[in-house]
Structure formats: C-alpha cells, structure tokens
C-alpha cells in the first residue's frame, strides 16, 4: 500500500493507505487509540477522501498496534474542557460517524484489539465488524462514568441487537468477549489469527471480495444506501428510494455487464461504474 496523506502533527492521528480498491484508515494514538477532536477532524477528512476517490471501493477501519482498536474518547481531555466544548465535540463526532455510515461504499471495522466505549460507537458505524479471536473485549461502559454512550451508541446498539438487550448491556456497563458479541450480531465474524498481521491480511482478503472485477461495487454501495436510509423511512417511501437507486444501477456499466454475462453464461468483469 502507498501512503495517501501527510503523516506529521495531528494528521498522524489517523493514517491513510489505499491500494487495490481498498482504503485502510488506522486510528493511531498510543497506547489505546483514544480519540480527540483533532483525531475526529482527521478521520472526518479521510472519510471524505475515501468517499470521493473513485479507485476506492471498500474502507477498512482499524486501530494501530495489537492491543486496542479504540478505547473511546480521551477521558483526560473530556475532564479538562468546558461543557460547551464537550457538546460540540460530541456533535462533530456524530457528524463524522454519520458520514462514514452514509458513504456508499462498504465499510469494515477490523477489531484488532479492545473495542470499548466510543471505540465501539465508531465500529458500529461500519457495515461489517470483523474481530480477532481472543484479542480483546467489547462493550459500552459509559454508565460507570456517570454518562451515556453519546456518539450514537444508544441508537446504533439498539438497532443492531434490539431494545431489551441494548438496555441490559448499557445499563450494566459490562465488557465481554468478541465471541459473545458475535452471538448477538454485534460482531459479524470472529477471525482466528495467530497475530495481528495475519488478522489484517485476512480482513483485507475479505475486503477485496467486494472490489471489481469480482463484485459490482456500485451495486454494493447502493444496497448499503437503500438499507441505511430506507430503514429510517416509512415503508412506502423506502420502496420509492429503492426504485430510484435501482434505476441508477440499470443505467450503469456494471448492470449491462452483469446482464450480458448472465445471458452469455460467463463470469462478469465489473468496473464499479
């Protein structure tokens, strides 16, 4: 992979590499990859960069090192700023994760280590969450600090696991293993890998399954848009959205290629256009 962004100052807090249709965004603030306003601003900019890059079809989000994906917001920072700053910080973090969630490209969170608090809130804005077996724990323990998960946690967790289970997990504030998270659908798959490099290689292998020419990446992106946006709409409005997105695909090169390949009984070669 080649570095596609600067690596000094606050820019080093999130690193960006892109190759083979996959952009990897690495949260990098040792020891726990906690996020600050500066990190969120950098992440926000890189989400937009990946969104606008026509050569990128899948976004992978990971944490630097082997111990943490992300331990959430920087508590020391939060304890030293004004309530107004905290509000605006949470607002911007919500906007950033909404941008990630609404980007019409598949997003995979590679949970290479502990994924707790705001770190899980970041991961829940992804479409798939792949976790390394035995690498850490996951959960939303904010209640133990006297606050709630304020970067979309109360809403995304409820949508992923249901109201009753989400309430139990958040009010208890407990942390649990990735395997348990998989049983409730919070984690998409647990990957058995001897080290983090092998884990990431397997994540990237999965990511490339959604890259042309093997997969119609534009269709993947619009399926995501239909699900993410449609699930928040009235049913008839969601059906109208689905029809509009389908019309966009009917006019695409990939749809012409897919239909022709089916008639000609050959494997399609998609371009993501």
C-alpha atoms as a PDB file:
ATOM      1  CA  UNK A   1       0.000   0.000   0.000  1.00  0.00           C
ATOM      2  CA  UNK A   2       1.070   3.591  -0.512  1.00  0.00           C
ATOM      3  CA  UNK A   3       0.575   6.422   1.931  1.00  0.00           C
ATOM      4  CA  UNK A   4      -2.028   8.813   0.556  1.00  0.00           C
ATOM      5  CA  UNK A   5      -1.823  11.505   3.192  1.00  0.00           C
ATOM      6  CA  UNK A   6       0.597  13.531   5.310  1.00  0.00           C
ATOM      7  CA  UNK A   7       1.987  11.971   8.482  1.00  0.00           C
ATOM      8  CA  UNK A   8       3.020  14.822  10.739  1.00  0.00           C
ATOM      9  CA  UNK A   9       1.268  16.749  13.513  1.00  0.00           C
ATOM     10  CA  UNK A  10      -2.390  15.924  14.068  1.00  0.00           C
ATOM     11  CA  UNK A  11      -2.501  14.233  10.661  1.00  0.00           C
ATOM     12  CA  UNK A  12      -0.576  11.301  12.131  1.00  0.00           C
ATOM     13  CA  UNK A  13      -3.513  10.507  14.426  1.00  0.00           C
ATOM     14  CA  UNK A  14      -5.246   8.689  11.576  1.00  0.00           C
ATOM     15  CA  UNK A  15      -3.129   7.146   8.832  1.00  0.00           C
ATOM     16  CA  UNK A  16      -4.431   6.540   5.332  1.00  0.00           C
ATOM     17  CA  UNK A  17      -3.277   3.922   2.859  1.00  0.00           C
ATOM     18  CA  UNK A  18      -5.009   2.886  -0.339  1.00  0.00           C
ATOM     19  CA  UNK A  19      -4.267   0.074  -2.779  1.00  0.00           C
ATOM     20  CA  UNK A  20      -6.181  -2.455  -4.820  1.00  0.00           C
ATOM     21  CA  UNK A  21      -9.515  -0.710  -4.343  1.00  0.00           C
ATOM     22  CA  UNK A  22      -9.293  -0.734  -0.523  1.00  0.00           C
ATOM     23  CA  UNK A  23      -8.550   2.261   1.723  1.00  0.00           C
ATOM     24  CA  UNK A  24      -7.256   1.456   5.227  1.00  0.00           C
ATOM     25  CA  UNK A  25      -7.755   4.108   7.919  1.00  0.00           C
ATOM     26  CA  UNK A  26      -5.698   3.455  11.059  1.00  0.00           C
ATOM     27  CA  UNK A  27      -6.517   5.166  14.364  1.00  0.00           C
ATOM     28  CA  UNK A  28      -3.066   5.814  15.813  1.00  0.00           C
ATOM     29  CA  UNK A  29      -2.754   7.417  19.234  1.00  0.00           C
ATOM     30  CA  UNK A  30      -0.913   5.077  21.641  1.00  0.00           C
ATOM     31  CA  UNK A  31      -1.451   3.423  23.970  1.00  0.00           C
ATOM     32  CA  UNK A  32      -5.220   2.970  23.486  1.00  0.00           C
ATOM     33  CA  UNK A  33      -6.025   4.894  20.276  1.00  0.00           C
ATOM     34  CA  UNK A  34      -8.416   7.152  22.155  1.00  0.00           C
ATOM     35  CA  UNK A  35      -9.945   9.873  20.040  1.00  0.00           C
ATOM     36  CA  UNK A  36      -9.742  13.615  20.482  1.00  0.00           C
ATOM     37  CA  UNK A  37     -11.257  16.456  18.479  1.00  0.00           C
ATOM     38  CA  UNK A  38      -8.094  16.524  16.365  1.00  0.00           C
ATOM     39  CA  UNK A  39      -8.382  12.812  15.615  1.00  0.00           C
ATOM     40  CA  UNK A  40     -12.050  13.131  14.688  1.00  0.00           C
ATOM     41  CA  UNK A  41     -11.298  16.051  12.365  1.00  0.00           C
ATOM     42  CA  UNK A  42      -8.647  13.941  10.643  1.00  0.00           C
ATOM     43  CA  UNK A  43     -10.969  10.924  10.431  1.00  0.00           C
ATOM     44  CA  UNK A  44     -13.729  13.137   9.028  1.00  0.00           C
ATOM     45  CA  UNK A  45     -11.402  14.432   6.288  1.00  0.00           C
ATOM     46  CA  UNK A  46     -10.223  10.938   5.372  1.00  0.00           C
ATOM     47  CA  UNK A  47     -13.755   9.538   5.188  1.00  0.00           C
ATOM     48  CA  UNK A  48     -14.472  12.232   2.614  1.00  0.00           C
ATOM     49  CA  UNK A  49     -11.211  11.483   0.800  1.00  0.00           C
ATOM     50  CA  UNK A  50     -12.090   7.791   0.531  1.00  0.00           C
ATOM     51  CA  UNK A  51     -15.672   8.630  -0.446  1.00  0.00           C
ATOM     52  CA  UNK A  52     -14.554  10.847  -3.327  1.00  0.00           C
ATOM     53  CA  UNK A  53     -11.778   8.539  -4.602  1.00  0.00           C
ATOM     54  CA  UNK A  54     -13.262   6.539  -7.480  1.00  0.00           C
ATOM     55  CA  UNK A  55     -10.468   3.977  -7.162  1.00  0.00           C
ATOM     56  CA  UNK A  56     -11.572   3.120  -3.592  1.00  0.00           C
ATOM     57  CA  UNK A  57     -14.462   0.673  -3.265  1.00  0.00           C
ATOM     58  CA  UNK A  58     -14.087  -0.560   0.340  1.00  0.00           C
ATOM     59  CA  UNK A  59     -12.978   1.248   3.510  1.00  0.00           C
ATOM     60  CA  UNK A  60     -11.285  -0.677   6.334  1.00  0.00           C
ATOM     61  CA  UNK A  61     -11.012   0.968   9.754  1.00  0.00           C
ATOM     62  CA  UNK A  62      -8.514  -0.413  12.290  1.00  0.00           C
ATOM     63  CA  UNK A  63      -6.507   0.561  15.342  1.00  0.00           C
ATOM     64  CA  UNK A  64      -2.720   0.787  15.440  1.00  0.00           C
ATOM     65  CA  UNK A  65      -0.849  -1.913  17.337  1.00  0.00           C
ATOM     66  CA  UNK A  66      -2.167  -5.161  18.767  1.00  0.00           C
ATOM     67  CA  UNK A  67      -3.966  -4.246  21.990  1.00  0.00           C
ATOM     68  CA  UNK A  68      -6.621  -1.687  21.049  1.00  0.00           C
ATOM     69  CA  UNK A  69      -8.942  -0.931  18.195  1.00  0.00           C
ATOM     70  CA  UNK A  70     -10.063   2.124  20.150  1.00  0.00           C
ATOM     71  CA  UNK A  71     -10.823   2.772  23.814  1.00  0.00           C
ATOM     72  CA  UNK A  72     -13.161   5.662  23.032  1.00  0.00           C
ATOM     73  CA  UNK A  73     -12.845   9.363  23.756  1.00  0.00           C
ATOM     74  CA  UNK A  74      -9.822  10.740  25.593  1.00  0.00           C
ATOM     75  CA  UNK A  75     -11.147  10.955  29.176  1.00  0.00           C
ATOM     76  CA  UNK A  76      -8.398  13.327  30.303  1.00  0.00           C
ATOM     77  CA  UNK A  77      -9.360  15.699  27.515  1.00  0.00           C
ATOM     78  CA  UNK A  78     -13.050  15.495  28.421  1.00  0.00           C
ATOM     79  CA  UNK A  79     -12.324  16.171  32.099  1.00  0.00           C
ATOM     80  CA  UNK A  80     -10.460  19.383  31.286  1.00  0.00           C
ATOM     81  CA  UNK A  81     -12.748  21.124  28.767  1.00  0.00           C
ATOM     82  CA  UNK A  82     -15.949  23.111  29.141  1.00  0.00           C
ATOM     83  CA  UNK A  83     -19.431  21.558  28.848  1.00  0.00           C
ATOM     84  CA  UNK A  84     -19.941  23.598  25.656  1.00  0.00           C
ATOM     85  CA  UNK A  85     -16.797  22.108  24.115  1.00  0.00           C
ATOM     86  CA  UNK A  86     -17.948  18.607  25.095  1.00  0.00           C
ATOM     87  CA  UNK A  87     -21.290  19.183  23.385  1.00  0.00           C
ATOM     88  CA  UNK A  88     -19.697  20.434  20.164  1.00  0.00           C
ATOM     89  CA  UNK A  89     -17.125  17.626  20.302  1.00  0.00           C
ATOM     90  CA  UNK A  90     -19.908  15.020  20.541  1.00  0.00           C
ATOM     91  CA  UNK A  91     -21.864  16.761  17.786  1.00  0.00           C
ATOM     92  CA  UNK A  92     -18.894  16.665  15.413  1.00  0.00           C
ATOM     93  CA  UNK A  93     -18.145  13.031  16.294  1.00  0.00           C
ATOM     94  CA  UNK A  94     -21.762  12.164  15.457  1.00  0.00           C
ATOM     95  CA  UNK A  95     -21.479  14.011  12.149  1.00  0.00           C
ATOM     96  CA  UNK A  96     -18.256  12.165  11.315  1.00  0.00           C
ATOM     97  CA  UNK A  97     -19.722   8.733  12.030  1.00  0.00           C
ATOM     98  CA  UNK A  98     -22.878   9.617  10.103  1.00  0.00           C
ATOM     99  CA  UNK A  99     -20.677  10.480   7.121  1.00  0.00           C
ATOM    100  CA  UNK A 100     -18.915   7.136   7.439  1.00  0.00           C
ATOM    101  CA  UNK A 101     -22.232   5.289   7.737  1.00  0.00           C
ATOM    102  CA  UNK A 102     -23.807   7.089   4.786  1.00  0.00           C
ATOM    103  CA  UNK A 103     -20.835   6.778   2.425  1.00  0.00           C
ATOM    104  CA  UNK A 104     -21.983   4.497  -0.438  1.00  0.00           C
ATOM    105  CA  UNK A 105     -19.013   2.163  -0.073  1.00  0.00           C
ATOM    106  CA  UNK A 106     -18.718  -0.887   2.156  1.00  0.00           C
ATOM    107  CA  UNK A 107     -17.007  -0.119   5.495  1.00  0.00           C
ATOM    108  CA  UNK A 108     -15.343  -2.871   7.524  1.00  0.00           C
ATOM    109  CA  UNK A 109     -14.179  -2.312  11.114  1.00  0.00           C
ATOM    110  CA  UNK A 110     -11.216  -4.593  11.842  1.00  0.00           C
ATOM    111  CA  UNK A 111     -11.292  -5.104  15.609  1.00  0.00           C
ATOM    112  CA  UNK A 112      -7.647  -5.931  16.241  1.00  0.00           C
ATOM    113  CA  UNK A 113      -7.918  -5.322  19.997  1.00  0.00           C
ATOM    114  CA  UNK A 114     -10.159  -3.933  22.731  1.00  0.00           C
ATOM    115  CA  UNK A 115     -13.162  -2.061  21.332  1.00  0.00           C
ATOM    116  CA  UNK A 116     -14.899  -0.227  24.154  1.00  0.00           C
ATOM    117  CA  UNK A 117     -16.935   2.897  24.789  1.00  0.00           C
ATOM    118  CA  UNK A 118     -16.600   5.369  21.962  1.00  0.00           C
ATOM    119  CA  UNK A 119     -14.440   2.839  20.141  1.00  0.00           C
ATOM    120  CA  UNK A 120     -17.435   0.551  19.810  1.00  0.00           C
ATOM    121  CA  UNK A 121     -19.536   3.532  18.750  1.00  0.00           C
ATOM    122  CA  UNK A 122     -17.047   4.114  15.910  1.00  0.00           C
ATOM    123  CA  UNK A 123     -17.131   0.429  14.966  1.00  0.00           C
ATOM    124  CA  UNK A 124     -20.941   0.347  14.934  1.00  0.00           C
ATOM    125  CA  UNK A 125     -20.936   2.983  12.177  1.00  0.00           C
ATOM    126  CA  UNK A 126     -19.236   0.392   9.945  1.00  0.00           C
ATOM    127  CA  UNK A 127     -21.188  -2.146   7.900  1.00  0.00           C
ATOM    128  CA  UNK A 128     -19.232  -5.225   8.990  1.00  0.00           C
ATOM    129  CA  UNK A 129     -17.238  -5.802  12.172  1.00  0.00           C
ATOM    130  CA  UNK A 130     -14.555  -8.487  11.976  1.00  0.00           C
ATOM    131  CA  UNK A 131     -12.794  -9.240  15.282  1.00  0.00           C
ATOM    132  CA  UNK A 132      -9.581 -11.100  16.028  1.00  0.00           C
ATOM    133  CA  UNK A 133     -10.281 -14.050  18.297  1.00  0.00           C
ATOM    134  CA  UNK A 134      -9.046 -13.552  21.858  1.00  0.00           C
ATOM    135  CA  UNK A 135      -7.658 -10.089  21.100  1.00  0.00           C
ATOM    136  CA  UNK A 136      -9.820  -8.076  23.470  1.00  0.00           C
ATOM    137  CA  UNK A 137     -13.181  -7.194  24.897  1.00  0.00           C
ATOM    138  CA  UNK A 138     -16.056  -5.090  23.686  1.00  0.00           C
ATOM    139  CA  UNK A 139     -18.828  -3.054  25.312  1.00  0.00           C
ATOM    140  CA  UNK A 140     -20.244   0.320  26.308  1.00  0.00           C
ATOM    141  CA  UNK A 141     -19.221   1.017  29.939  1.00  0.00           C
ATOM    142  CA  UNK A 142     -20.074   4.742  29.972  1.00  0.00           C
ATOM    143  CA  UNK A 143     -22.609   4.308  32.791  1.00  0.00           C
ATOM    144  CA  UNK A 144     -19.635   3.646  35.090  1.00  0.00           C
ATOM    145  CA  UNK A 145     -18.523   7.235  34.414  1.00  0.00           C
ATOM    146  CA  UNK A 146     -21.992   8.616  35.111  1.00  0.00           C
ATOM    147  CA  UNK A 147     -22.729   9.331  31.449  1.00  0.00           C
ATOM    148  CA  UNK A 148     -24.331   7.580  28.471  1.00  0.00           C
ATOM    149  CA  UNK A 149     -22.819   6.430  25.167  1.00  0.00           C
ATOM    150  CA  UNK A 150     -23.080   9.791  23.436  1.00  0.00           C
ATOM    151  CA  UNK A 151     -21.671   9.181  19.971  1.00  0.00           C
ATOM    152  CA  UNK A 152     -24.567   7.188  18.594  1.00  0.00           C
ATOM    153  CA  UNK A 153     -24.163   4.252  20.965  1.00  0.00           C
ATOM    154  CA  UNK A 154     -27.673   4.238  22.426  1.00  0.00           C
ATOM    155  CA  UNK A 155     -29.190   4.308  18.945  1.00  0.00           C
ATOM    156  CA  UNK A 156     -26.905   2.064  16.889  1.00  0.00           C
ATOM    157  CA  UNK A 157     -26.630  -0.649  19.545  1.00  0.00           C
ATOM    158  CA  UNK A 158     -30.424  -0.762  19.840  1.00  0.00           C
ATOM    159  CA  UNK A 159     -30.764  -1.153  16.073  1.00  0.00           C
ATOM    160  CA  UNK A 160     -28.147  -3.901  15.995  1.00  0.00           C
ATOM    161  CA  UNK A 161     -29.156  -6.091  18.949  1.00  0.00           C
ATOM    162  CA  UNK A 162     -32.675  -4.972  19.937  1.00  0.00           C
ATOM    163  CA  UNK A 163     -34.005  -2.727  22.681  1.00  0.00           C
ATOM    164  CA  UNK A 164     -34.021  -5.145  25.620  1.00  0.00           C
ATOM    165  CA  UNK A 165     -30.507  -6.450  25.076  1.00  0.00           C
ATOM    166  CA  UNK A 166     -29.138  -2.967  24.348  1.00  0.00           C
ATOM    167  CA  UNK A 167     -30.620  -1.661  27.613  1.00  0.00           C
ATOM    168  CA  UNK A 168     -29.126  -4.549  29.568  1.00  0.00           C
ATOM    169  CA  UNK A 169     -25.674  -4.077  28.069  1.00  0.00           C
ATOM    170  CA  UNK A 170     -25.550  -0.307  28.515  1.00  0.00           C
ATOM    171  CA  UNK A 171     -27.078  -0.075  31.991  1.00  0.00           C
ATOM    172  CA  UNK A 172     -24.824  -2.865  33.289  1.00  0.00           C
ATOM    173  CA  UNK A 173     -21.832  -1.324  31.522  1.00  0.00           C
ATOM    174  CA  UNK A 174     -20.154  -4.690  31.246  1.00  0.00           C
ATOM    175  CA  UNK A 175     -17.404  -5.699  28.855  1.00  0.00           C
ATOM    176  CA  UNK A 176     -17.492  -9.081  27.134  1.00  0.00           C
ATOM    177  CA  UNK A 177     -15.584 -11.229  24.658  1.00  0.00           C
ATOM    178  CA  UNK A 178     -15.851 -10.925  20.873  1.00  0.00           C
ATOM    179  CA  UNK A 179     -17.331 -14.420  20.688  1.00  0.00           C
ATOM    180  CA  UNK A 180     -20.321 -13.366  22.800  1.00  0.00           C
ATOM    181  CA  UNK A 181     -20.694 -10.248  20.658  1.00  0.00           C
ATOM    182  CA  UNK A 182     -20.880 -12.480  17.592  1.00  0.00           C
ATOM    183  CA  UNK A 183     -23.762 -14.498  19.045  1.00  0.00           C
ATOM    184  CA  UNK A 184     -25.871 -11.331  19.293  1.00  0.00           C
ATOM    185  CA  UNK A 185     -24.924  -9.967  15.879  1.00  0.00           C
ATOM    186  CA  UNK A 186     -22.799  -7.130  17.210  1.00  0.00           C
ATOM    187  CA  UNK A 187     -19.708  -8.669  15.605  1.00  0.00           C
ATOM    188  CA  UNK A 188     -20.095 -10.061  12.077  1.00  0.00           C
ATOM    189  CA  UNK A 189     -17.360 -12.705  12.403  1.00  0.00           C
ATOM    190  CA  UNK A 190     -14.549 -13.718  14.750  1.00  0.00           C
ATOM    191  CA  UNK A 191     -11.309 -14.460  12.908  1.00  0.00           C
ATOM    192  CA  UNK A 192      -8.820 -16.944  14.377  1.00  0.00           C
ATOM    193  CA  UNK A 193      -5.394 -15.485  13.624  1.00  0.00           C
ATOM    194  CA  UNK A 194      -2.053 -16.034  15.411  1.00  0.00           C
ATOM    195  CA  UNK A 195      -1.042 -12.370  15.190  1.00  0.00           C
ATOM    196  CA  UNK A 196      -2.425  -9.013  14.136  1.00  0.00           C
ATOM    197  CA  UNK A 197      -0.622  -9.055  10.767  1.00  0.00           C
ATOM    198  CA  UNK A 198      -2.296 -12.325   9.828  1.00  0.00           C
ATOM    199  CA  UNK A 199      -5.620 -10.976  11.057  1.00  0.00           C
ATOM    200  CA  UNK A 200      -5.303  -7.875   8.891  1.00  0.00           C
ATOM    201  CA  UNK A 201      -4.291  -9.958   5.891  1.00  0.00           C
ATOM    202  CA  UNK A 202      -7.496 -11.959   6.301  1.00  0.00           C
ATOM    203  CA  UNK A 203      -9.569  -8.799   6.734  1.00  0.00           C
ATOM    204  CA  UNK A 204      -8.106  -7.360   3.541  1.00  0.00           C
ATOM    205  CA  UNK A 205      -8.780 -10.628   1.761  1.00  0.00           C
ATOM    206  CA  UNK A 206     -12.428 -10.295   2.801  1.00  0.00           C
ATOM    207  CA  UNK A 207     -12.487  -6.642   1.768  1.00  0.00           C
ATOM    208  CA  UNK A 208     -11.222  -7.467  -1.720  1.00  0.00           C
ATOM    209  CA  UNK A 209     -14.210  -9.762  -2.230  1.00  0.00           C
ATOM    210  CA  UNK A 210     -16.220  -6.548  -2.703  1.00  0.00           C
ATOM    211  CA  UNK A 211     -13.854  -4.934  -5.228  1.00  0.00           C
ATOM    212  CA  UNK A 212     -14.164  -5.053  -9.029  1.00  0.00           C
ATOM    213  CA  UNK A 213     -13.818  -7.011 -11.234  1.00  0.00           C
ATOM    214  CA  UNK A 214     -15.217  -9.732  -8.953  1.00  0.00           C
ATOM    215  CA  UNK A 215     -18.004  -7.644  -7.431  1.00  0.00           C
ATOM    216  CA  UNK A 216     -20.214  -4.826  -8.685  1.00  0.00           C
ATOM    217  CA  UNK A 217     -19.034  -2.258  -6.155  1.00  0.00           C
ATOM    218  CA  UNK A 218     -21.549   0.398  -7.224  1.00  0.00           C
ATOM    219  CA  UNK A 219     -24.398  -2.038  -6.542  1.00  0.00           C
ATOM    220  CA  UNK A 220     -22.857  -2.852  -3.147  1.00  0.00           C
ATOM    221  CA  UNK A 221     -22.739   0.850  -2.304  1.00  0.00           C
ATOM    222  CA  UNK A 222     -26.335   1.490  -3.329  1.00  0.00           C
ATOM    223  CA  UNK A 223     -27.557  -1.608  -1.475  1.00  0.00           C
ATOM    224  CA  UNK A 224     -25.932  -0.034   1.569  1.00  0.00           C
ATOM    225  CA  UNK A 225     -27.656   3.289   0.855  1.00  0.00           C
ATOM    226  CA  UNK A 226     -31.024   1.560   0.488  1.00  0.00           C
ATOM    227  CA  UNK A 227     -30.606  -0.245   3.804  1.00  0.00           C
ATOM    228  CA  UNK A 228     -29.119   2.629   5.821  1.00  0.00           C
ATOM    229  CA  UNK A 229     -31.503   5.310   4.604  1.00  0.00           C
ATOM    230  CA  UNK A 230     -34.533   3.135   3.928  1.00  0.00           C
ATOM    231  CA  UNK A 231     -34.562   1.683   7.428  1.00  0.00           C
ATOM    232  CA  UNK A 232     -35.205   5.182   8.793  1.00  0.00           C
ATOM    233  CA  UNK A 233     -38.101   5.917   6.405  1.00  0.00           C
ATOM    234  CA  UNK A 234     -41.747   4.943   6.120  1.00  0.00           C
ATOM    235  CA  UNK A 235     -42.107   1.707   4.136  1.00  0.00           C
ATOM    236  CA  UNK A 236     -43.668   3.237   1.025  1.00  0.00           C
ATOM    237  CA  UNK A 237     -41.025   5.990   0.973  1.00  0.00           C
ATOM    238  CA  UNK A 238     -38.306   3.376   1.370  1.00  0.00           C
ATOM    239  CA  UNK A 239     -39.705   1.447  -1.593  1.00  0.00           C
ATOM    240  CA  UNK A 240     -39.588   4.652  -3.654  1.00  0.00           C
ATOM    241  CA  UNK A 241     -35.950   5.139  -2.639  1.00  0.00           C
ATOM    242  CA  UNK A 242     -35.198   1.544  -3.629  1.00  0.00           C
ATOM    243  CA  UNK A 243     -36.725   2.107  -7.080  1.00  0.00           C
ATOM    244  CA  UNK A 244     -34.686   5.270  -7.636  1.00  0.00           C
ATOM    245  CA  UNK A 245     -31.454   3.536  -6.659  1.00  0.00           C
ATOM    246  CA  UNK A 246     -32.326   0.576  -8.864  1.00  0.00           C
ATOM    247  CA  UNK A 247     -32.844   2.940 -11.787  1.00  0.00           C
ATOM    248  CA  UNK A 248     -29.361   4.341 -11.231  1.00  0.00           C
ATOM    249  CA  UNK A 249     -27.989   0.812 -11.391  1.00  0.00           C
ATOM    250  CA  UNK A 250     -29.980  -0.080 -14.513  1.00  0.00           C
ATOM    251  CA  UNK A 251     -28.129   2.775 -16.228  1.00  0.00           C
ATOM    252  CA  UNK A 252     -24.686   1.609 -15.036  1.00  0.00           C
ATOM    253  CA  UNK A 253     -21.936  -0.178 -16.968  1.00  0.00           C
ATOM    254  CA  UNK A 254     -21.896  -2.914 -14.333  1.00  0.00           C
ATOM    255  CA  UNK A 255     -25.580  -3.730 -14.837  1.00  0.00           C
ATOM    256  CA  UNK A 256     -25.071  -4.036 -18.573  1.00  0.00           C
ATOM    257  CA  UNK A 257     -22.062  -6.271 -17.965  1.00  0.00           C
ATOM    258  CA  UNK A 258     -23.841  -8.392 -15.352  1.00  0.00           C
ATOM    259  CA  UNK A 259     -26.914  -8.983 -17.501  1.00  0.00           C
ATOM    260  CA  UNK A 260     -24.813  -9.724 -20.605  1.00  0.00           C
ATOM    261  CA  UNK A 261     -22.588 -12.150 -18.693  1.00  0.00           C
ATOM    262  CA  UNK A 262     -25.634 -13.987 -17.380  1.00  0.00           C
ATOM    263  CA  UNK A 263     -27.111 -14.380 -20.884  1.00  0.00           C
ATOM    264  CA  UNK A 264     -23.747 -15.409 -22.322  1.00  0.00           C
ATOM    265  CA  UNK A 265     -23.113 -17.824 -19.429  1.00  0.00           C
ATOM    266  CA  UNK A 266     -19.754 -16.328 -18.471  1.00  0.00           C
ATOM    267  CA  UNK A 267     -18.229 -14.733 -15.392  1.00  0.00           C
ATOM    268  CA  UNK A 268     -18.867 -10.963 -15.286  1.00  0.00           C
ATOM    269  CA  UNK A 269     -15.994  -8.480 -15.105  1.00  0.00           C
ATOM    270  CA  UNK A 270     -17.241  -5.447 -13.192  1.00  0.00           C
ATOM    271  CA  UNK A 271     -15.726  -1.959 -13.175  1.00  0.00           C
ATOM    272  CA  UNK A 272     -17.585  -0.305 -10.318  1.00  0.00           C
ATOM    273  CA  UNK A 273     -19.241   2.109 -12.738  1.00  0.00           C
END
